[in-house]
Amino acid sequence: MTQRSLQLPKFKKASLLQQALTHKSHVNENPGLEDNERLEFLGDAVLNFLSGNFLFWRYPDQPEGKLTTLRSQLVDQTQLAKFAIALDLGSQIRLGKGADRDGGRTNPNLLSSAFEAMIGAYFLDCNSVAKVQHYVEPFLESVCDRQTATAATINFKSRFQEWALANGSDNPQYVILSESGPDHDKKFIAEAQVGGTAYGRGLGAKKQEAEKNAAKAALATLGIL
């Protein structure tokens, strides 16, 4: 992440940020204050929209099912809690004494909720989807870049074989569906099959590359990648 993304956005209304960082346990001990649950609801909606828009343009060739899986990985509780930790929100949340004593400042559910509430509060504060998008996208980029780096080290054919054997199936078979182009610019299309059922297709300049990409596509179909 860039240094900019590790900082809280600048708020014109400090009270909105304060509310975003106020847990209901604190309100229970201090009646009259507002907790962050409504802001959390708004922030959740904003993050789902922005992450969907981000993925739609970043991955123009991916189908709806894959984009849905990727979006869930970007904005699930575990990932949002990591964003909150990067911003050190845990030390800034206003908690009740009991919630604080029980480790609320490191609780993933509480941290992810605080991040969502902060996004909701910032949206209200700046009244601009574009500004919130500018703030949020470095976070999303960091996750996608990390996933890309991890994927580069994966042996897709081995992973697909592990899945097939773990599910009581035979070893995968790779069928070359087509071969085209002159000798200096060949294009192969391979299909990854298990027990005669096709799970994914891949394109490559060599048969091995096409098979690797077919295995990768199969893993994506299965929701493993």
C-alpha atoms as a PDB file:
ATOM      1  CA  MET A   1       0.000   0.000   0.000  1.00  0.00           C
ATOM      2  CA  THR A   2       1.078   3.552  -0.547  1.00  0.00           C
ATOM      3  CA  GLN A   3       1.718   5.859   2.370  1.00  0.00           C
ATOM      4  CA  ARG A   4      -1.446   7.774   1.492  1.00  0.00           C
ATOM      5  CA  SER A   5      -3.586   4.675   1.911  1.00  0.00           C
ATOM      6  CA  LEU A   6      -2.217   4.060   5.416  1.00  0.00           C
ATOM      7  CA  GLN A   7      -3.723   7.271   6.716  1.00  0.00           C
ATOM      8  CA  LEU A   8      -7.247   8.135   7.699  1.00  0.00           C
ATOM      9  CA  PRO A   9      -8.943  10.521   5.262  1.00  0.00           C
ATOM     10  CA  LYS A  10      -9.275  14.140   6.296  1.00  0.00           C
ATOM     11  CA  PHE A  11     -12.705  14.876   7.771  1.00  0.00           C
ATOM     12  CA  LYS A  12     -14.383  18.276   7.726  1.00  0.00           C
ATOM     13  CA  LYS A  13     -16.723  17.122  10.491  1.00  0.00           C
ATOM     14  CA  ALA A  14     -14.690  15.496  13.230  1.00  0.00           C
ATOM     15  CA  SER A  15     -17.919  14.374  14.887  1.00  0.00           C
ATOM     16  CA  LEU A  16     -18.599  11.953  12.020  1.00  0.00           C
ATOM     17  CA  LEU A  17     -15.265  10.229  12.463  1.00  0.00           C
ATOM     18  CA  GLN A  18     -15.801  10.115  16.207  1.00  0.00           C
ATOM     19  CA  GLN A  19     -19.170   8.432  15.724  1.00  0.00           C
ATOM     20  CA  ALA A  20     -17.645   5.948  13.273  1.00  0.00           C
ATOM     21  CA  LEU A  21     -15.196   4.920  15.990  1.00  0.00           C
ATOM     22  CA  THR A  22     -17.814   4.646  18.747  1.00  0.00           C
ATOM     23  CA  HIS A  23     -18.859   1.097  19.570  1.00  0.00           C
ATOM     24  CA  LYS A  24     -22.277   0.413  21.081  1.00  0.00           C
ATOM     25  CA  SER A  25     -20.636  -0.857  24.274  1.00  0.00           C
ATOM     26  CA  HIS A  26     -19.313   2.674  24.866  1.00  0.00           C
ATOM     27  CA  VAL A  27     -22.769   4.149  24.258  1.00  0.00           C
ATOM     28  CA  ASN A  28     -24.280   1.734  26.769  1.00  0.00           C
ATOM     29  CA  GLU A  29     -22.006   3.240  29.404  1.00  0.00           C
ATOM     30  CA  ASN A  30     -22.427   6.796  28.123  1.00  0.00           C
ATOM     31  CA  PRO A  31     -26.103   7.356  27.221  1.00  0.00           C
ATOM     32  CA  GLY A  32     -26.841  10.114  24.742  1.00  0.00           C
ATOM     33  CA  LEU A  33     -24.046   9.299  22.317  1.00  0.00           C
ATOM     34  CA  GLU A  34     -24.535   7.635  18.894  1.00  0.00           C
ATOM     35  CA  ASP A  35     -22.843   4.366  18.014  1.00  0.00           C
ATOM     36  CA  ASN A  36     -21.396   3.451  14.625  1.00  0.00           C
ATOM     37  CA  GLU A  37     -23.887   0.801  13.487  1.00  0.00           C
ATOM     38  CA  ARG A  38     -25.820   2.954  11.004  1.00  0.00           C
ATOM     39  CA  LEU A  39     -22.555   4.234   9.539  1.00  0.00           C
ATOM     40  CA  GLU A  40     -21.364   0.629   9.291  1.00  0.00           C
ATOM     41  CA  PHE A  41     -24.465  -0.206   7.230  1.00  0.00           C
ATOM     42  CA  LEU A  42     -23.762   2.690   4.865  1.00  0.00           C
ATOM     43  CA  GLY A  43     -20.066   1.907   4.596  1.00  0.00           C
ATOM     44  CA  ASP A  44     -20.794  -1.723   3.755  1.00  0.00           C
ATOM     45  CA  ALA A  45     -22.987  -0.615   0.837  1.00  0.00           C
ATOM     46  CA  VAL A  46     -20.392   1.886  -0.404  1.00  0.00           C
ATOM     47  CA  LEU A  47     -17.551  -0.652  -0.215  1.00  0.00           C
ATOM     48  CA  ASN A  48     -19.549  -3.296  -2.071  1.00  0.00           C
ATOM     49  CA  PHE A  49     -20.287  -0.841  -4.880  1.00  0.00           C
ATOM     50  CA  LEU A  50     -16.738   0.497  -5.123  1.00  0.00           C
ATOM     51  CA  SER A  51     -15.114  -2.939  -5.000  1.00  0.00           C
ATOM     52  CA  GLY A  52     -17.516  -4.187  -7.686  1.00  0.00           C
ATOM     53  CA  ASN A  53     -16.737  -1.213  -9.901  1.00  0.00           C
ATOM     54  CA  PHE A  54     -12.997  -1.651  -9.286  1.00  0.00           C
ATOM     55  CA  LEU A  55     -13.045  -5.335 -10.244  1.00  0.00           C
ATOM     56  CA  PHE A  56     -15.290  -4.769 -13.269  1.00  0.00           C
ATOM     57  CA  TRP A  57     -12.695  -2.502 -14.873  1.00  0.00           C
ATOM     58  CA  ARG A  58      -9.573  -4.276 -13.597  1.00  0.00           C
ATOM     59  CA  TYR A  59     -10.618  -7.692 -14.915  1.00  0.00           C
ATOM     60  CA  PRO A  60     -12.577  -7.082 -18.155  1.00  0.00           C
ATOM     61  CA  ASP A  61     -12.433 -10.749 -19.206  1.00  0.00           C
ATOM     62  CA  GLN A  62     -13.652 -12.319 -15.969  1.00  0.00           C
ATOM     63  CA  PRO A  63     -17.230 -13.697 -15.745  1.00  0.00           C
ATOM     64  CA  GLU A  64     -19.768 -12.604 -13.162  1.00  0.00           C
ATOM     65  CA  GLY A  65     -19.159 -15.603 -10.897  1.00  0.00           C
ATOM     66  CA  LYS A  66     -15.431 -14.968 -10.636  1.00  0.00           C
ATOM     67  CA  LEU A  67     -15.952 -11.241 -10.009  1.00  0.00           C
ATOM     68  CA  THR A  68     -18.403 -12.065  -7.217  1.00  0.00           C
ATOM     69  CA  THR A  69     -15.825 -14.351  -5.596  1.00  0.00           C
ATOM     70  CA  LEU A  70     -13.118 -11.710  -5.870  1.00  0.00           C
ATOM     71  CA  ARG A  71     -15.377  -9.042  -4.389  1.00  0.00           C
ATOM     72  CA  SER A  72     -16.179 -11.209  -1.401  1.00  0.00           C
ATOM     73  CA  GLN A  73     -12.438 -11.633  -0.797  1.00  0.00           C
ATOM     74  CA  LEU A  74     -11.853  -7.878  -0.968  1.00  0.00           C
ATOM     75  CA  VAL A  75     -14.538  -6.889   1.529  1.00  0.00           C
ATOM     76  CA  ASP A  76     -14.923  -9.877   3.854  1.00  0.00           C
ATOM     77  CA  GLN A  77     -14.460  -9.490   7.599  1.00  0.00           C
ATOM     78  CA  THR A  78     -10.890 -10.789   7.629  1.00  0.00           C
ATOM     79  CA  GLN A  79      -9.686  -8.412   4.925  1.00  0.00           C
ATOM     80  CA  LEU A  80     -11.476  -5.335   6.299  1.00  0.00           C
ATOM     81  CA  ALA A  81     -10.009  -6.076   9.720  1.00  0.00           C
ATOM     82  CA  LYS A  82      -6.550  -6.031   8.119  1.00  0.00           C
ATOM     83  CA  PHE A  83      -7.320  -2.610   6.621  1.00  0.00           C
ATOM     84  CA  ALA A  84      -8.393  -1.417  10.069  1.00  0.00           C
ATOM     85  CA  ILE A  85      -5.167  -2.710  11.606  1.00  0.00           C
ATOM     86  CA  ALA A  86      -3.137  -0.895   8.931  1.00  0.00           C
ATOM     87  CA  LEU A  87      -4.879   2.307  10.010  1.00  0.00           C
ATOM     88  CA  ASP A  88      -4.441   1.508  13.725  1.00  0.00           C
ATOM     89  CA  LEU A  89      -8.183   1.855  14.277  1.00  0.00           C
ATOM     90  CA  GLY A  90      -8.058  -0.537  17.212  1.00  0.00           C
ATOM     91  CA  SER A  91      -6.331   2.014  19.404  1.00  0.00           C
ATOM     92  CA  GLN A  92      -8.785   4.751  18.427  1.00  0.00           C
ATOM     93  CA  ILE A  93     -12.136   2.984  18.886  1.00  0.00           C
ATOM     94  CA  ARG A  94     -14.214   4.118  21.846  1.00  0.00           C
ATOM     95  CA  LEU A  95     -15.192   0.951  23.689  1.00  0.00           C
ATOM     96  CA  GLY A  96     -17.033   0.090  26.854  1.00  0.00           C
ATOM     97  CA  LYS A  97     -14.821  -1.081  29.713  1.00  0.00           C
ATOM     98  CA  GLY A  98     -15.991  -4.678  29.351  1.00  0.00           C
ATOM     99  CA  ALA A  99     -15.471  -4.828  25.584  1.00  0.00           C
ATOM    100  CA  ASP A 100     -12.028  -3.268  26.014  1.00  0.00           C
ATOM    101  CA  ARG A 101     -11.095  -5.754  28.725  1.00  0.00           C
ATOM    102  CA  ASP A 102     -12.280  -8.652  26.552  1.00  0.00           C
ATOM    103  CA  GLY A 103      -9.914  -7.742  23.711  1.00  0.00           C
ATOM    104  CA  GLY A 104     -12.281  -5.718  21.566  1.00  0.00           C
ATOM    105  CA  ARG A 105      -9.456  -3.674  20.080  1.00  0.00           C
ATOM    106  CA  THR A 106      -8.100  -6.758  18.304  1.00  0.00           C
ATOM    107  CA  ASN A 107     -11.456  -8.410  17.537  1.00  0.00           C
ATOM    108  CA  PRO A 108     -11.746  -8.912  13.729  1.00  0.00           C
ATOM    109  CA  ASN A 109     -15.514  -8.384  13.727  1.00  0.00           C
ATOM    110  CA  LEU A 110     -15.248  -5.138  15.666  1.00  0.00           C
ATOM    111  CA  LEU A 111     -12.322  -3.903  13.565  1.00  0.00           C
ATOM    112  CA  SER A 112     -13.997  -4.647  10.236  1.00  0.00           C
ATOM    113  CA  SER A 113     -17.164  -2.912  11.430  1.00  0.00           C
ATOM    114  CA  ALA A 114     -15.138   0.147  12.417  1.00  0.00           C
ATOM    115  CA  PHE A 115     -13.535   0.294   8.981  1.00  0.00           C
ATOM    116  CA  GLU A 116     -16.930   0.083   7.285  1.00  0.00           C
ATOM    117  CA  ALA A 117     -18.298   2.771   9.589  1.00  0.00           C
ATOM    118  CA  MET A 118     -15.339   5.019   8.840  1.00  0.00           C
ATOM    119  CA  ILE A 119     -15.973   4.663   5.097  1.00  0.00           C
ATOM    120  CA  GLY A 120     -19.653   5.437   5.604  1.00  0.00           C
ATOM    121  CA  ALA A 121     -18.755   8.490   7.674  1.00  0.00           C
ATOM    122  CA  TYR A 122     -16.261   9.708   5.075  1.00  0.00           C
ATOM    123  CA  PHE A 123     -18.877   9.349   2.330  1.00  0.00           C
ATOM    124  CA  LEU A 124     -21.260  11.554   4.321  1.00  0.00           C
ATOM    125  CA  ASP A 125     -18.494  13.999   5.145  1.00  0.00           C
ATOM    126  CA  CYS A 126     -17.224  14.565   1.592  1.00  0.00           C
ATOM    127  CA  ASN A 127     -20.526  13.803  -0.190  1.00  0.00           C
ATOM    128  CA  SER A 128     -18.551  12.406  -3.125  1.00  0.00           C
ATOM    129  CA  VAL A 129     -18.347   8.843  -4.407  1.00  0.00           C
ATOM    130  CA  ALA A 130     -15.278   9.844  -6.436  1.00  0.00           C
ATOM    131  CA  LYS A 131     -13.379  10.982  -3.340  1.00  0.00           C
ATOM    132  CA  VAL A 132     -14.198   7.820  -1.440  1.00  0.00           C
ATOM    133  CA  GLN A 133     -13.168   5.793  -4.488  1.00  0.00           C
ATOM    134  CA  HIS A 134      -9.843   7.649  -4.623  1.00  0.00           C
ATOM    135  CA  TYR A 135      -9.264   6.802  -0.977  1.00  0.00           C
ATOM    136  CA  VAL A 136     -10.380   3.161  -1.098  1.00  0.00           C
ATOM    137  CA  GLU A 137      -8.788   1.941  -4.330  1.00  0.00           C
ATOM    138  CA  PRO A 138      -5.196   1.734  -2.984  1.00  0.00           C
ATOM    139  CA  PHE A 139      -6.479  -0.720  -0.381  1.00  0.00           C
ATOM    140  CA  LEU A 140      -8.139  -2.830  -3.071  1.00  0.00           C
ATOM    141  CA  GLU A 141      -5.060  -2.606  -5.295  1.00  0.00           C
ATOM    142  CA  SER A 142      -2.851  -3.908  -2.492  1.00  0.00           C
ATOM    143  CA  VAL A 143      -4.971  -7.037  -2.104  1.00  0.00           C
ATOM    144  CA  CYS A 144      -5.120  -7.746  -5.851  1.00  0.00           C
ATOM    145  CA  ASP A 145      -1.375  -7.192  -6.239  1.00  0.00           C
ATOM    146  CA  ARG A 146      -0.694  -9.623  -3.404  1.00  0.00           C
ATOM    147  CA  GLN A 147      -3.044 -12.214  -4.914  1.00  0.00           C
ATOM    148  CA  THR A 148      -1.330 -11.832  -8.290  1.00  0.00           C
ATOM    149  CA  ALA A 149       2.106 -12.322  -6.727  1.00  0.00           C
ATOM    150  CA  THR A 150       0.879 -15.426  -4.899  1.00  0.00           C
ATOM    151  CA  ALA A 151      -0.757 -16.850  -8.014  1.00  0.00           C
ATOM    152  CA  ALA A 152       2.516 -16.508  -9.917  1.00  0.00           C
ATOM    153  CA  THR A 153       4.134 -19.064  -7.585  1.00  0.00           C
ATOM    154  CA  ILE A 154       1.310 -21.633  -7.771  1.00  0.00           C
ATOM    155  CA  ASN A 155       1.732 -24.851  -9.725  1.00  0.00           C
ATOM    156  CA  PHE A 156      -1.782 -24.887 -11.156  1.00  0.00           C
ATOM    157  CA  LYS A 157      -1.609 -28.412 -12.574  1.00  0.00           C
ATOM    158  CA  SER A 158      -0.451 -29.834  -9.242  1.00  0.00           C
ATOM    159  CA  ARG A 159      -3.174 -27.968  -7.369  1.00  0.00           C
ATOM    160  CA  PHE A 160      -5.834 -29.250  -9.773  1.00  0.00           C
ATOM    161  CA  GLN A 161      -4.502 -32.782  -9.448  1.00  0.00           C
ATOM    162  CA  GLU A 162      -4.628 -32.496  -5.643  1.00  0.00           C
ATOM    163  CA  TRP A 163      -8.251 -31.415  -5.855  1.00  0.00           C
ATOM    164  CA  ALA A 164      -9.174 -34.264  -8.191  1.00  0.00           C
ATOM    165  CA  LEU A 165      -7.558 -36.939  -6.020  1.00  0.00           C
ATOM    166  CA  ALA A 166      -8.958 -35.445  -2.807  1.00  0.00           C
ATOM    167  CA  ASN A 167     -12.441 -35.728  -4.292  1.00  0.00           C
ATOM    168  CA  GLY A 168     -12.060 -39.367  -5.284  1.00  0.00           C
ATOM    169  CA  SER A 169     -11.507 -38.720  -8.971  1.00  0.00           C
ATOM    170  CA  ASP A 170      -8.867 -39.821 -11.450  1.00  0.00           C
ATOM    171  CA  ASN A 171      -5.886 -37.715 -12.402  1.00  0.00           C
ATOM    172  CA  PRO A 172      -6.806 -34.786 -14.657  1.00  0.00           C
ATOM    173  CA  GLN A 173      -6.436 -35.212 -18.391  1.00  0.00           C
ATOM    174  CA  TYR A 174      -5.480 -32.381 -20.761  1.00  0.00           C
ATOM    175  CA  VAL A 175      -6.910 -32.414 -24.259  1.00  0.00           C
ATOM    176  CA  ILE A 176      -5.574 -30.114 -26.979  1.00  0.00           C
ATOM    177  CA  LEU A 177      -8.728 -28.823 -28.641  1.00  0.00           C
ATOM    178  CA  SER A 178      -7.070 -26.767 -31.341  1.00  0.00           C
ATOM    179  CA  GLU A 179      -3.734 -25.745 -32.800  1.00  0.00           C
ATOM    180  CA  SER A 180      -3.438 -22.740 -35.062  1.00  0.00           C
ATOM    181  CA  GLY A 181      -0.963 -20.258 -36.501  1.00  0.00           C
ATOM    182  CA  PRO A 182       2.369 -20.563 -38.296  1.00  0.00           C
ATOM    183  CA  ASP A 183       5.297 -22.395 -36.697  1.00  0.00           C
ATOM    184  CA  HIS A 184       6.779 -19.189 -35.292  1.00  0.00           C
ATOM    185  CA  ASP A 185       3.481 -18.076 -33.720  1.00  0.00           C
ATOM    186  CA  LYS A 186       1.551 -21.145 -32.627  1.00  0.00           C
ATOM    187  CA  LYS A 187      -1.593 -20.951 -30.504  1.00  0.00           C
ATOM    188  CA  PHE A 188      -2.916 -23.949 -28.579  1.00  0.00           C
ATOM    189  CA  ILE A 189      -6.180 -24.329 -26.704  1.00  0.00           C
ATOM    190  CA  ALA A 190      -6.229 -27.015 -24.017  1.00  0.00           C
ATOM    191  CA  GLU A 191      -9.091 -28.314 -21.917  1.00  0.00           C
ATOM    192  CA  ALA A 192      -8.676 -29.676 -18.387  1.00  0.00           C
ATOM    193  CA  GLN A 193     -10.887 -32.700 -17.796  1.00  0.00           C
ATOM    194  CA  VAL A 194     -11.544 -35.071 -14.915  1.00  0.00           C
ATOM    195  CA  GLY A 195     -13.496 -38.227 -15.640  1.00  0.00           C
ATOM    196  CA  GLY A 196     -14.545 -36.822 -18.996  1.00  0.00           C
ATOM    197  CA  THR A 197     -15.973 -33.638 -17.458  1.00  0.00           C
ATOM    198  CA  ALA A 198     -14.462 -30.337 -18.617  1.00  0.00           C
ATOM    199  CA  TYR A 199     -13.486 -27.850 -15.899  1.00  0.00           C
ATOM    200  CA  GLY A 200     -11.553 -25.188 -17.771  1.00  0.00           C
ATOM    201  CA  ARG A 201      -9.849 -24.130 -20.979  1.00  0.00           C
ATOM    202  CA  GLY A 202      -6.555 -22.355 -21.506  1.00  0.00           C
ATOM    203  CA  LEU A 203      -4.689 -20.656 -24.344  1.00  0.00           C
ATOM    204  CA  GLY A 204      -0.917 -20.778 -24.789  1.00  0.00           C
ATOM    205  CA  ALA A 205       1.918 -20.474 -27.259  1.00  0.00           C
ATOM    206  CA  LYS A 206       2.998 -23.978 -26.216  1.00  0.00           C
ATOM    207  CA  LYS A 207       0.981 -27.037 -25.274  1.00  0.00           C
ATOM    208  CA  GLN A 208       2.375 -26.950 -21.729  1.00  0.00           C
ATOM    209  CA  GLU A 209       1.381 -23.306 -21.312  1.00  0.00           C
ATOM    210  CA  ALA A 210      -2.122 -23.991 -22.597  1.00  0.00           C
ATOM    211  CA  GLU A 211      -2.473 -26.901 -20.165  1.00  0.00           C
ATOM    212  CA  LYS A 212      -1.254 -24.768 -17.252  1.00  0.00           C
ATOM    213  CA  ASN A 213      -3.771 -22.066 -18.106  1.00  0.00           C
ATOM    214  CA  ALA A 214      -6.511 -24.674 -18.437  1.00  0.00           C
ATOM    215  CA  ALA A 215      -5.689 -25.932 -14.943  1.00  0.00           C
ATOM    216  CA  LYS A 216      -5.760 -22.364 -13.659  1.00  0.00           C
ATOM    217  CA  ALA A 217      -9.173 -21.823 -15.256  1.00  0.00           C
ATOM    218  CA  ALA A 218     -10.386 -25.084 -13.689  1.00  0.00           C
ATOM    219  CA  LEU A 219      -9.279 -23.934 -10.234  1.00  0.00           C
ATOM    220  CA  ALA A 220     -11.081 -20.632 -10.773  1.00  0.00           C
ATOM    221  CA  THR A 221     -14.233 -22.511 -11.790  1.00  0.00           C
ATOM    222  CA  LEU A 222     -14.015 -24.512  -8.573  1.00  0.00           C
ATOM    223  CA  GLY A 223     -13.547 -21.345  -6.522  1.00  0.00           C
ATOM    224  CA  ILE A 224     -10.095 -22.423  -5.330  1.00  0.00           C
ATOM    225  CA  LEU A 225      -8.353 -19.364  -6.820  1.00  0.00           C
END
